[in-house]
Amino acid sequence: GRDKALLPIGGVALVSHVAQVVRDAAGSVTLVGPRERYRTLGWPLIEDGVIGQGPLAGIVAALTAATAERSLIVACDMPWLSAAALKELLAVDSDADAVVAQSHHGREPLCAVYHRRCLPVFEAALRESELTVRRVLERLRIVEWSLPNPRLVTNVNTPGDWAAIWAAVEAGS
């Protein structure tokens, strides 16, 4: 019932925590989301071009606005992400369309580096109403990058997930 991006962690919104990690790893960061919701956070911001189409629309917006050949795309709800791990991901040298983090759950398409040439594939998927990013990845040449710790891409989807994260924080793990 709440916007998980705005959950408090370390005195800031979760999205700001993740944005700082991304900026530390990549040198810059831009949020993708509703301006009215996130404009007060102080980060550069672009809006989804297509509202209500989930993460795929966010990826399309990010790649459309990107000036670099490759873009690090990360979900806003991964409190354990680290700049060191993201730097490793960014350092993977490949001519693949995408370098995607791999955990025991499989590919993590919202912790990946996408080449700008992926944009037409993602746009086509949106037009076809194929919104499952993992399925769209099947259309790309992918290099999988094994996470040093699968916990890094743990995300917050439910109040129970958030409670488990806070229990781990309080336990010091």
C-alpha atoms as a PDB file:
ATOM      1  CA  GLY A   1       0.000   0.000   0.000  1.00  0.00           C
ATOM      2  CA  ARG A   2       3.053   2.305  -0.060  1.00  0.00           C
ATOM      3  CA  ASP A   3       5.579   3.377  -2.648  1.00  0.00           C
ATOM      4  CA  LYS A   4       8.487   1.086  -1.818  1.00  0.00           C
ATOM      5  CA  ALA A   5      10.938   3.527  -3.408  1.00  0.00           C
ATOM      6  CA  LEU A   6      10.164   5.981  -0.610  1.00  0.00           C
ATOM      7  CA  LEU A   7      10.636   3.554   2.291  1.00  0.00           C
ATOM      8  CA  PRO A   8      13.163   4.974   4.763  1.00  0.00           C
ATOM      9  CA  ILE A   9      16.608   3.408   5.005  1.00  0.00           C
ATOM     10  CA  GLY A  10      19.601   5.042   6.666  1.00  0.00           C
ATOM     11  CA  GLY A  11      17.755   8.339   6.984  1.00  0.00           C
ATOM     12  CA  VAL A  12      16.901   8.603   3.268  1.00  0.00           C
ATOM     13  CA  ALA A  13      14.370   7.136   0.859  1.00  0.00           C
ATOM     14  CA  LEU A  14      15.290   3.682  -0.462  1.00  0.00           C
ATOM     15  CA  VAL A  15      15.480   5.077  -4.001  1.00  0.00           C
ATOM     16  CA  SER A  16      17.979   7.727  -2.847  1.00  0.00           C
ATOM     17  CA  HIS A  17      20.060   5.055  -1.105  1.00  0.00           C
ATOM     18  CA  VAL A  18      20.188   2.995  -4.315  1.00  0.00           C
ATOM     19  CA  ALA A  19      20.817   6.113  -6.434  1.00  0.00           C
ATOM     20  CA  GLN A  20      23.842   6.987  -4.289  1.00  0.00           C
ATOM     21  CA  VAL A  21      25.230   3.460  -4.746  1.00  0.00           C
ATOM     22  CA  VAL A  22      24.761   3.726  -8.510  1.00  0.00           C
ATOM     23  CA  ARG A  23      26.378   7.165  -8.627  1.00  0.00           C
ATOM     24  CA  ASP A  24      29.329   5.873  -6.597  1.00  0.00           C
ATOM     25  CA  ALA A  25      29.744   3.028  -9.098  1.00  0.00           C
ATOM     26  CA  ALA A  26      28.969   4.756 -12.377  1.00  0.00           C
ATOM     27  CA  GLY A  27      29.692   8.426 -11.724  1.00  0.00           C
ATOM     28  CA  SER A  28      26.167   9.609 -12.461  1.00  0.00           C
ATOM     29  CA  VAL A  29      22.579   8.564 -11.947  1.00  0.00           C
ATOM     30  CA  THR A  30      19.152   9.438 -13.289  1.00  0.00           C
ATOM     31  CA  LEU A  31      15.911   8.256 -11.734  1.00  0.00           C
ATOM     32  CA  VAL A  32      13.082   7.048 -13.948  1.00  0.00           C
ATOM     33  CA  GLY A  33       9.603   7.585 -12.565  1.00  0.00           C
ATOM     34  CA  PRO A  34       6.777  10.005 -11.909  1.00  0.00           C
ATOM     35  CA  ARG A  35       8.063  13.543 -11.521  1.00  0.00           C
ATOM     36  CA  GLU A  36       5.405  14.473  -8.954  1.00  0.00           C
ATOM     37  CA  ARG A  37       6.501  11.602  -6.716  1.00  0.00           C
ATOM     38  CA  TYR A  38      10.293  11.912  -6.894  1.00  0.00           C
ATOM     39  CA  ARG A  39      11.127  15.525  -7.819  1.00  0.00           C
ATOM     40  CA  THR A  40      11.863  16.527  -4.208  1.00  0.00           C
ATOM     41  CA  LEU A  41      14.601  13.891  -3.835  1.00  0.00           C
ATOM     42  CA  GLY A  42      17.180  16.031  -5.632  1.00  0.00           C
ATOM     43  CA  TRP A  43      18.233  13.512  -8.310  1.00  0.00           C
ATOM     44  CA  PRO A  44      18.054  14.045 -12.070  1.00  0.00           C
ATOM     45  CA  LEU A  45      14.763  12.543 -13.208  1.00  0.00           C
ATOM     46  CA  ILE A  46      13.045  11.412 -16.389  1.00  0.00           C
ATOM     47  CA  GLU A  47       9.529  10.075 -16.618  1.00  0.00           C
ATOM     48  CA  ASP A  48       8.413   6.772 -18.105  1.00  0.00           C
ATOM     49  CA  GLY A  49       7.192   7.335 -21.643  1.00  0.00           C
ATOM     50  CA  VAL A  50       4.421   4.791 -21.113  1.00  0.00           C
ATOM     51  CA  ILE A  51       2.726   4.784 -17.713  1.00  0.00           C
ATOM     52  CA  GLY A  52       1.627   1.481 -16.192  1.00  0.00           C
ATOM     53  CA  GLN A  53       3.869  -0.745 -18.298  1.00  0.00           C
ATOM     54  CA  GLY A  54       6.217  -1.730 -15.480  1.00  0.00           C
ATOM     55  CA  PRO A  55       9.991  -1.952 -15.516  1.00  0.00           C
ATOM     56  CA  LEU A  56      10.198  -2.449 -19.277  1.00  0.00           C
ATOM     57  CA  ALA A  57       8.836   1.065 -19.867  1.00  0.00           C
ATOM     58  CA  GLY A  58      11.406   2.392 -17.400  1.00  0.00           C
ATOM     59  CA  ILE A  59      14.212   0.680 -19.298  1.00  0.00           C
ATOM     60  CA  VAL A  60      12.937   2.160 -22.569  1.00  0.00           C
ATOM     61  CA  ALA A  61      12.803   5.633 -21.011  1.00  0.00           C
ATOM     62  CA  ALA A  62      16.325   5.261 -19.616  1.00  0.00           C
ATOM     63  CA  LEU A  63      17.833   4.025 -22.878  1.00  0.00           C
ATOM     64  CA  THR A  64      15.994   6.698 -24.867  1.00  0.00           C
ATOM     65  CA  ALA A  65      17.430   9.444 -22.674  1.00  0.00           C
ATOM     66  CA  ALA A  66      20.916   7.934 -22.406  1.00  0.00           C
ATOM     67  CA  THR A  67      23.855   9.627 -24.065  1.00  0.00           C
ATOM     68  CA  ALA A  68      26.278   6.749 -23.434  1.00  0.00           C
ATOM     69  CA  GLU A  69      26.490   3.545 -25.475  1.00  0.00           C
ATOM     70  CA  ARG A  70      25.924   1.429 -22.374  1.00  0.00           C
ATOM     71  CA  SER A  71      23.631   2.115 -19.427  1.00  0.00           C
ATOM     72  CA  LEU A  72      23.568   0.570 -15.988  1.00  0.00           C
ATOM     73  CA  ILE A  73      19.937  -0.171 -15.146  1.00  0.00           C
ATOM     74  CA  VAL A  74      19.115  -0.968 -11.526  1.00  0.00           C
ATOM     75  CA  ALA A  75      15.808  -1.369  -9.699  1.00  0.00           C
ATOM     76  CA  CYS A  76      15.133   1.142  -6.941  1.00  0.00           C
ATOM     77  CA  ASP A  77      14.269  -1.523  -4.374  1.00  0.00           C
ATOM     78  CA  MET A  78      17.577  -3.349  -3.819  1.00  0.00           C
ATOM     79  CA  PRO A  79      18.857  -2.131  -0.439  1.00  0.00           C
ATOM     80  CA  TRP A  80      21.891  -4.456  -0.341  1.00  0.00           C
ATOM     81  CA  LEU A  81      23.432  -3.304  -3.648  1.00  0.00           C
ATOM     82  CA  SER A  82      27.021  -2.162  -3.390  1.00  0.00           C
ATOM     83  CA  ALA A  83      29.056   0.199  -5.527  1.00  0.00           C
ATOM     84  CA  ALA A  84      31.915  -2.321  -5.575  1.00  0.00           C
ATOM     85  CA  ALA A  85      29.694  -5.001  -7.123  1.00  0.00           C
ATOM     86  CA  LEU A  86      28.218  -2.575  -9.646  1.00  0.00           C
ATOM     87  CA  LYS A  87      31.735  -1.477 -10.637  1.00  0.00           C
ATOM     88  CA  GLU A  88      32.543  -5.140 -11.348  1.00  0.00           C
ATOM     89  CA  LEU A  89      29.401  -5.433 -13.464  1.00  0.00           C
ATOM     90  CA  LEU A  90      30.320  -2.283 -15.386  1.00  0.00           C
ATOM     91  CA  ALA A  91      33.850  -3.612 -15.958  1.00  0.00           C
ATOM     92  CA  VAL A  92      32.707  -6.752 -17.782  1.00  0.00           C
ATOM     93  CA  ASP A  93      34.192  -6.399 -21.267  1.00  0.00           C
ATOM     94  CA  SER A  94      31.772  -7.791 -23.797  1.00  0.00           C
ATOM     95  CA  ASP A  95      30.267  -6.960 -27.158  1.00  0.00           C
ATOM     96  CA  ALA A  96      26.989  -8.553 -26.046  1.00  0.00           C
ATOM     97  CA  ASP A  97      23.770  -6.575 -26.040  1.00  0.00           C
ATOM     98  CA  ALA A  98      23.592  -6.813 -22.266  1.00  0.00           C
ATOM     99  CA  VAL A  99      25.558  -7.932 -19.245  1.00  0.00           C
ATOM    100  CA  VAL A 100      23.042  -9.219 -16.722  1.00  0.00           C
ATOM    101  CA  ALA A 101      23.608 -10.103 -13.092  1.00  0.00           C
ATOM    102  CA  GLN A 102      22.980 -13.769 -12.321  1.00  0.00           C
ATOM    103  CA  SER A 103      21.928 -15.075  -8.911  1.00  0.00           C
ATOM    104  CA  HIS A 104      20.549 -18.348  -7.603  1.00  0.00           C
ATOM    105  CA  HIS A 105      17.133 -17.053  -8.776  1.00  0.00           C
ATOM    106  CA  GLY A 106      18.384 -16.719 -12.358  1.00  0.00           C
ATOM    107  CA  ARG A 107      18.968 -13.599 -14.394  1.00  0.00           C
ATOM    108  CA  GLU A 108      18.322 -10.275 -12.665  1.00  0.00           C
ATOM    109  CA  PRO A 109      17.341  -7.994 -15.568  1.00  0.00           C
ATOM    110  CA  LEU A 110      17.000  -4.979 -13.265  1.00  0.00           C
ATOM    111  CA  CYS A 111      20.669  -5.177 -12.373  1.00  0.00           C
ATOM    112  CA  ALA A 112      22.260  -5.076 -15.789  1.00  0.00           C
ATOM    113  CA  VAL A 113      24.222  -3.055 -18.303  1.00  0.00           C
ATOM    114  CA  TYR A 114      22.346  -2.568 -21.573  1.00  0.00           C
ATOM    115  CA  HIS A 115      23.795  -1.370 -24.858  1.00  0.00           C
ATOM    116  CA  ARG A 116      21.749   1.288 -26.627  1.00  0.00           C
ATOM    117  CA  ARG A 117      21.146  -1.161 -29.499  1.00  0.00           C
ATOM    118  CA  CYS A 118      18.723  -2.963 -27.138  1.00  0.00           C
ATOM    119  CA  LEU A 119      16.285  -0.065 -27.373  1.00  0.00           C
ATOM    120  CA  PRO A 120      14.443  -1.236 -30.535  1.00  0.00           C
ATOM    121  CA  VAL A 121      14.013  -4.705 -29.020  1.00  0.00           C
ATOM    122  CA  PHE A 122      12.537  -3.275 -25.818  1.00  0.00           C
ATOM    123  CA  GLU A 123      10.308  -0.869 -27.763  1.00  0.00           C
ATOM    124  CA  ALA A 124       8.996  -3.751 -29.890  1.00  0.00           C
ATOM    125  CA  ALA A 125       8.239  -5.765 -26.756  1.00  0.00           C
ATOM    126  CA  LEU A 126       6.236  -2.836 -25.363  1.00  0.00           C
ATOM    127  CA  ARG A 127       4.240  -2.587 -28.605  1.00  0.00           C
ATOM    128  CA  GLU A 128       3.579  -6.343 -28.396  1.00  0.00           C
ATOM    129  CA  SER A 129       2.526  -6.007 -24.718  1.00  0.00           C
ATOM    130  CA  GLU A 130       5.344  -8.382 -23.718  1.00  0.00           C
ATOM    131  CA  LEU A 131       6.187  -6.734 -20.411  1.00  0.00           C
ATOM    132  CA  THR A 132       8.185  -9.528 -18.760  1.00  0.00           C
ATOM    133  CA  VAL A 133      11.759  -8.307 -18.985  1.00  0.00           C
ATOM    134  CA  ARG A 134      13.190 -11.810 -18.469  1.00  0.00           C
ATOM    135  CA  ARG A 135      11.333 -13.000 -21.582  1.00  0.00           C
ATOM    136  CA  VAL A 136      12.523 -10.020 -23.608  1.00  0.00           C
ATOM    137  CA  LEU A 137      16.112 -10.882 -22.643  1.00  0.00           C
ATOM    138  CA  GLU A 138      15.715 -14.034 -24.758  1.00  0.00           C
ATOM    139  CA  ARG A 139      15.783 -11.743 -27.811  1.00  0.00           C
ATOM    140  CA  LEU A 140      19.198 -10.317 -26.894  1.00  0.00           C
ATOM    141  CA  ARG A 141      22.772 -11.549 -26.844  1.00  0.00           C
ATOM    142  CA  ILE A 142      23.418 -11.796 -23.104  1.00  0.00           C
ATOM    143  CA  VAL A 143      26.503 -12.268 -20.989  1.00  0.00           C
ATOM    144  CA  GLU A 144      25.669 -13.387 -17.478  1.00  0.00           C
ATOM    145  CA  TRP A 145      27.707 -11.965 -14.631  1.00  0.00           C
ATOM    146  CA  SER A 146      27.721 -14.029 -11.444  1.00  0.00           C
ATOM    147  CA  LEU A 147      27.054 -11.914  -8.411  1.00  0.00           C
ATOM    148  CA  PRO A 148      29.687 -12.104  -5.673  1.00  0.00           C
ATOM    149  CA  ASN A 149      26.782 -12.334  -3.208  1.00  0.00           C
ATOM    150  CA  PRO A 150      23.191 -13.138  -4.313  1.00  0.00           C
ATOM    151  CA  ARG A 151      21.849 -10.997  -1.476  1.00  0.00           C
ATOM    152  CA  LEU A 152      22.946  -7.894  -3.409  1.00  0.00           C
ATOM    153  CA  VAL A 153      19.871  -8.088  -5.639  1.00  0.00           C
ATOM    154  CA  THR A 154      17.364  -8.890  -2.909  1.00  0.00           C
ATOM    155  CA  ASN A 155      14.438  -6.639  -3.605  1.00  0.00           C
ATOM    156  CA  VAL A 156      11.453  -5.358  -1.684  1.00  0.00           C
ATOM    157  CA  ASN A 157       8.105  -6.485  -3.053  1.00  0.00           C
ATOM    158  CA  THR A 158       5.993  -6.969   0.061  1.00  0.00           C
ATOM    159  CA  PRO A 159       5.785  -5.691   3.635  1.00  0.00           C
ATOM    160  CA  GLY A 160       7.204  -9.096   4.627  1.00  0.00           C
ATOM    161  CA  ASP A 161      10.273  -8.529   2.436  1.00  0.00           C
ATOM    162  CA  TRP A 162      10.826  -5.145   4.093  1.00  0.00           C
ATOM    163  CA  ALA A 163      10.423  -6.676   7.563  1.00  0.00           C
ATOM    164  CA  ALA A 164      12.996  -9.360   6.726  1.00  0.00           C
ATOM    165  CA  ILE A 165      15.464  -6.743   5.513  1.00  0.00           C
ATOM    166  CA  TRP A 166      15.022  -4.717   8.693  1.00  0.00           C
ATOM    167  CA  ALA A 167      15.450  -7.846  10.817  1.00  0.00           C
ATOM    168  CA  ALA A 168      18.770  -8.479   9.049  1.00  0.00           C
ATOM    169  CA  VAL A 169      19.834  -4.849   9.510  1.00  0.00           C
ATOM    170  CA  GLU A 170      19.018  -4.950  13.206  1.00  0.00           C
ATOM    171  CA  ALA A 171      20.861  -8.272  13.583  1.00  0.00           C
ATOM    172  CA  GLY A 172      23.907  -6.674  11.971  1.00  0.00           C
ATOM    173  CA  SER A 173      24.056  -9.082   9.049  1.00  0.00           C
END
